[in-house]
Amino acid sequence: MIPAFAHVASHLTGVLPAARAVVALVAAGLAWWSWPAAAQQVYRCGNAYAHAPCPQGRPVDVADPRDPAQVEQARAQTARDQQLADQLHRENAAREAAHRKALLAEAKQAQKMAAAQRRAARARERARKAAQQLATRKAVSPKALP
């Protein structure tokens, strides 16, 4: 980088180069400091596990006994299982969406049928009332009606 523009690049990133170096050193120090923690002994204390010994606690070997090839094989199998699970999830989601769509279409059809039945019932009721009115008119004045 051109030294004359170093302050511009630092301003654009929001962090000075010295501050970035400090952050990197702190991160490296934390990684180095926590590394021995990975090798701590684990104790089984009844139904719980702890890093500190406890009464009647017994040490537990928590090291992974698998070789790197077995670890990679397990990771590959896990990836395949995850892909299969994702595929099954997509298939189930598509099947459920199609089922919901079919149920919605069925419900709409049922609504249409119910509306048609209501219209037919209203038409029958109007026809019945009209016939009743006609019969009443004929009974009241038989000569007035043709």
Protein backbone atom coordinates (compact mmCIF):
# COMPACT_ATOMS: atom_id res chain seq x y z
CA MET A 1 0.00 0.00 0.00
CA ILE A 2 1.21 3.49 -0.71
CA PRO A 3 2.20 5.12 2.61
CA ALA A 4 0.49 8.38 1.71
CA PHE A 5 -2.84 6.56 1.54
CA ALA A 6 -2.41 4.36 4.62
CA HIS A 7 -4.50 6.70 6.76
CA VAL A 8 -7.30 6.55 4.16
CA ALA A 9 -7.34 2.73 4.19
CA SER A 10 -7.33 2.72 7.99
CA HIS A 11 -10.16 5.23 8.02
CA LEU A 12 -12.18 3.13 5.60
CA THR A 13 -11.79 -0.05 7.62
CA GLY A 14 -12.32 1.79 10.90
CA VAL A 15 -9.33 0.11 12.59
CA LEU A 16 -5.73 1.28 12.66
CA PRO A 17 -3.04 -1.23 11.66
CA ALA A 18 -1.58 -1.21 15.20
CA ALA A 19 -5.00 -1.98 16.67
CA ARG A 20 -5.41 -4.87 14.24
CA ALA A 21 -2.04 -6.24 15.37
CA VAL A 22 -3.12 -5.99 19.03
CA VAL A 23 -6.37 -7.83 18.28
CA ALA A 24 -4.43 -10.56 16.44
CA LEU A 25 -1.98 -10.93 19.36
CA VAL A 26 -4.80 -11.13 21.90
CA ALA A 27 -6.58 -13.78 19.81
CA ALA A 28 -3.36 -15.80 19.47
CA GLY A 29 -2.74 -15.49 23.23
CA LEU A 30 -6.24 -16.70 24.05
CA ALA A 31 -5.84 -19.65 21.71
CA TRP A 32 -2.48 -20.55 23.28
CA TRP A 33 -3.85 -20.10 26.81
CA SER A 34 -6.93 -22.26 26.19
CA TRP A 35 -5.00 -25.06 24.46
CA PRO A 36 -4.06 -26.88 27.70
CA ALA A 37 -7.72 -26.80 28.74
CA ALA A 38 -8.49 -29.25 25.95
CA ALA A 39 -6.24 -31.82 27.63
CA GLN A 40 -7.79 -31.53 31.10
CA GLN A 41 -8.92 -34.65 32.90
CA VAL A 42 -12.67 -35.27 33.09
CA TYR A 43 -14.24 -36.96 36.10
CA ARG A 44 -17.56 -38.72 36.38
CA CYS A 45 -19.28 -37.73 39.59
CA GLY A 46 -22.45 -39.80 39.79
CA ASN A 47 -24.62 -38.72 36.85
CA ALA A 48 -22.60 -35.55 36.15
CA TYR A 49 -19.21 -34.83 34.64
CA ALA A 50 -16.68 -32.32 35.98
CA HIS A 51 -13.13 -31.10 35.36
CA ALA A 52 -12.35 -31.19 39.08
CA PRO A 53 -12.09 -34.42 41.08
CA CYS A 54 -15.01 -35.19 43.36
CA PRO A 55 -15.70 -37.76 46.11
CA GLN A 56 -16.17 -41.20 44.58
CA GLY A 57 -15.46 -39.63 41.18
CA ARG A 58 -13.55 -41.61 38.62
CA PRO A 59 -11.53 -40.31 35.68
CA VAL A 60 -13.05 -40.73 32.24
CA ASP A 61 -11.07 -41.05 29.03
CA VAL A 62 -12.57 -38.48 26.65
CA ALA A 63 -9.95 -38.73 23.91
CA ASP A 64 -11.25 -39.60 20.45
CA PRO A 65 -9.88 -43.10 19.73
CA ARG A 66 -10.56 -42.85 15.99
CA ASP A 67 -7.79 -42.31 13.48
CA PRO A 68 -8.02 -39.37 11.03
CA ALA A 69 -9.41 -41.59 8.25
CA GLN A 70 -12.26 -42.73 10.50
CA VAL A 71 -12.96 -39.15 11.54
CA GLU A 72 -13.11 -38.07 7.89
CA GLN A 73 -15.33 -41.03 7.04
CA ALA A 74 -17.70 -40.08 9.86
CA ARG A 75 -17.77 -36.45 8.68
CA ALA A 76 -18.51 -37.55 5.11
CA GLN A 77 -21.30 -39.84 6.34
CA THR A 78 -22.73 -37.01 8.42
CA ALA A 79 -22.67 -34.73 5.36
CA ARG A 80 -24.46 -37.40 3.28
CA ASP A 81 -27.03 -37.90 6.05
CA GLN A 82 -27.59 -34.14 6.23
CA GLN A 83 -28.07 -33.94 2.45
CA LEU A 84 -30.56 -36.80 2.61
CA ALA A 85 -32.39 -35.17 5.51
CA ASP A 86 -32.55 -31.88 3.59
CA GLN A 87 -33.88 -33.68 0.52
CA LEU A 88 -36.51 -35.49 2.58
CA HIS A 89 -37.48 -32.21 4.22
CA ARG A 90 -37.93 -30.56 0.82
CA GLU A 91 -39.98 -33.52 -0.45
CA ASN A 92 -42.18 -33.49 2.66
CA ALA A 93 -42.66 -29.74 2.41
CA ALA A 94 -43.66 -30.06 -1.26
CA ARG A 95 -46.03 -32.93 -0.46
CA GLU A 96 -47.60 -30.97 2.41
CA ALA A 97 -47.96 -27.89 0.19
CA ALA A 98 -49.70 -29.98 -2.48
CA HIS A 99 -51.97 -31.47 0.19
CA ARG A 100 -52.84 -28.01 1.54
CA LYS A 101 -53.55 -26.84 -2.01
CA ALA A 102 -55.84 -29.83 -2.60
CA LEU A 103 -57.64 -29.21 0.70
CA LEU A 104 -58.09 -25.55 -0.21
CA ALA A 105 -59.49 -26.48 -3.63
CA GLU A 106 -61.82 -29.00 -1.96
CA ALA A 107 -62.99 -26.39 0.54
CA LYS A 108 -63.64 -23.87 -2.24
CA GLN A 109 -65.61 -26.50 -4.16
CA ALA A 110 -67.62 -27.30 -1.03
CA GLN A 111 -68.35 -23.58 -0.57
CA LYS A 112 -69.52 -23.34 -4.18
CA MET A 113 -71.76 -26.38 -3.73
CA ALA A 114 -73.21 -24.98 -0.51
CA ALA A 115 -73.89 -21.63 -2.21
CA ALA A 116 -75.57 -23.42 -5.13
CA GLN A 117 -77.71 -25.43 -2.70
CA ARG A 118 -78.72 -22.23 -0.88
CA ARG A 119 -79.64 -20.59 -4.19
CA ALA A 120 -81.68 -23.64 -5.20
CA ALA A 121 -83.44 -23.68 -1.82
CA ARG A 122 -84.27 -19.97 -2.14
CA ALA A 123 -85.59 -20.55 -5.67
CA ARG A 124 -87.76 -23.44 -4.42
CA GLU A 125 -89.04 -21.27 -1.57
CA ARG A 126 -89.87 -18.42 -3.99
CA ALA A 127 -91.67 -20.86 -6.29
CA ARG A 128 -93.60 -22.31 -3.33
CA LYS A 129 -94.62 -18.83 -2.15
CA ALA A 130 -95.62 -17.81 -5.67
CA ALA A 131 -97.73 -20.96 -6.02
CA GLN A 132 -99.29 -20.32 -2.62
CA GLN A 133 -100.12 -16.72 -3.56
CA LEU A 134 -101.64 -17.89 -6.83
CA ALA A 135 -103.74 -20.48 -5.00
CA THR A 136 -104.86 -17.83 -2.51
CA ARG A 137 -105.87 -15.47 -5.32
CA LYS A 138 -107.84 -18.19 -7.08
CA ALA A 139 -109.62 -19.07 -3.85
CA VAL A 140 -110.52 -15.44 -3.09
CA SER A 141 -111.71 -14.42 -6.56
CA PRO A 142 -111.95 -17.27 -9.02
CA LYS A 143 -113.47 -15.11 -11.78
CA ALA A 144 -110.88 -12.33 -11.59
CA LEU A 145 -108.03 -14.58 -12.60
CA PRO A 146 -107.75 -15.96 -16.10
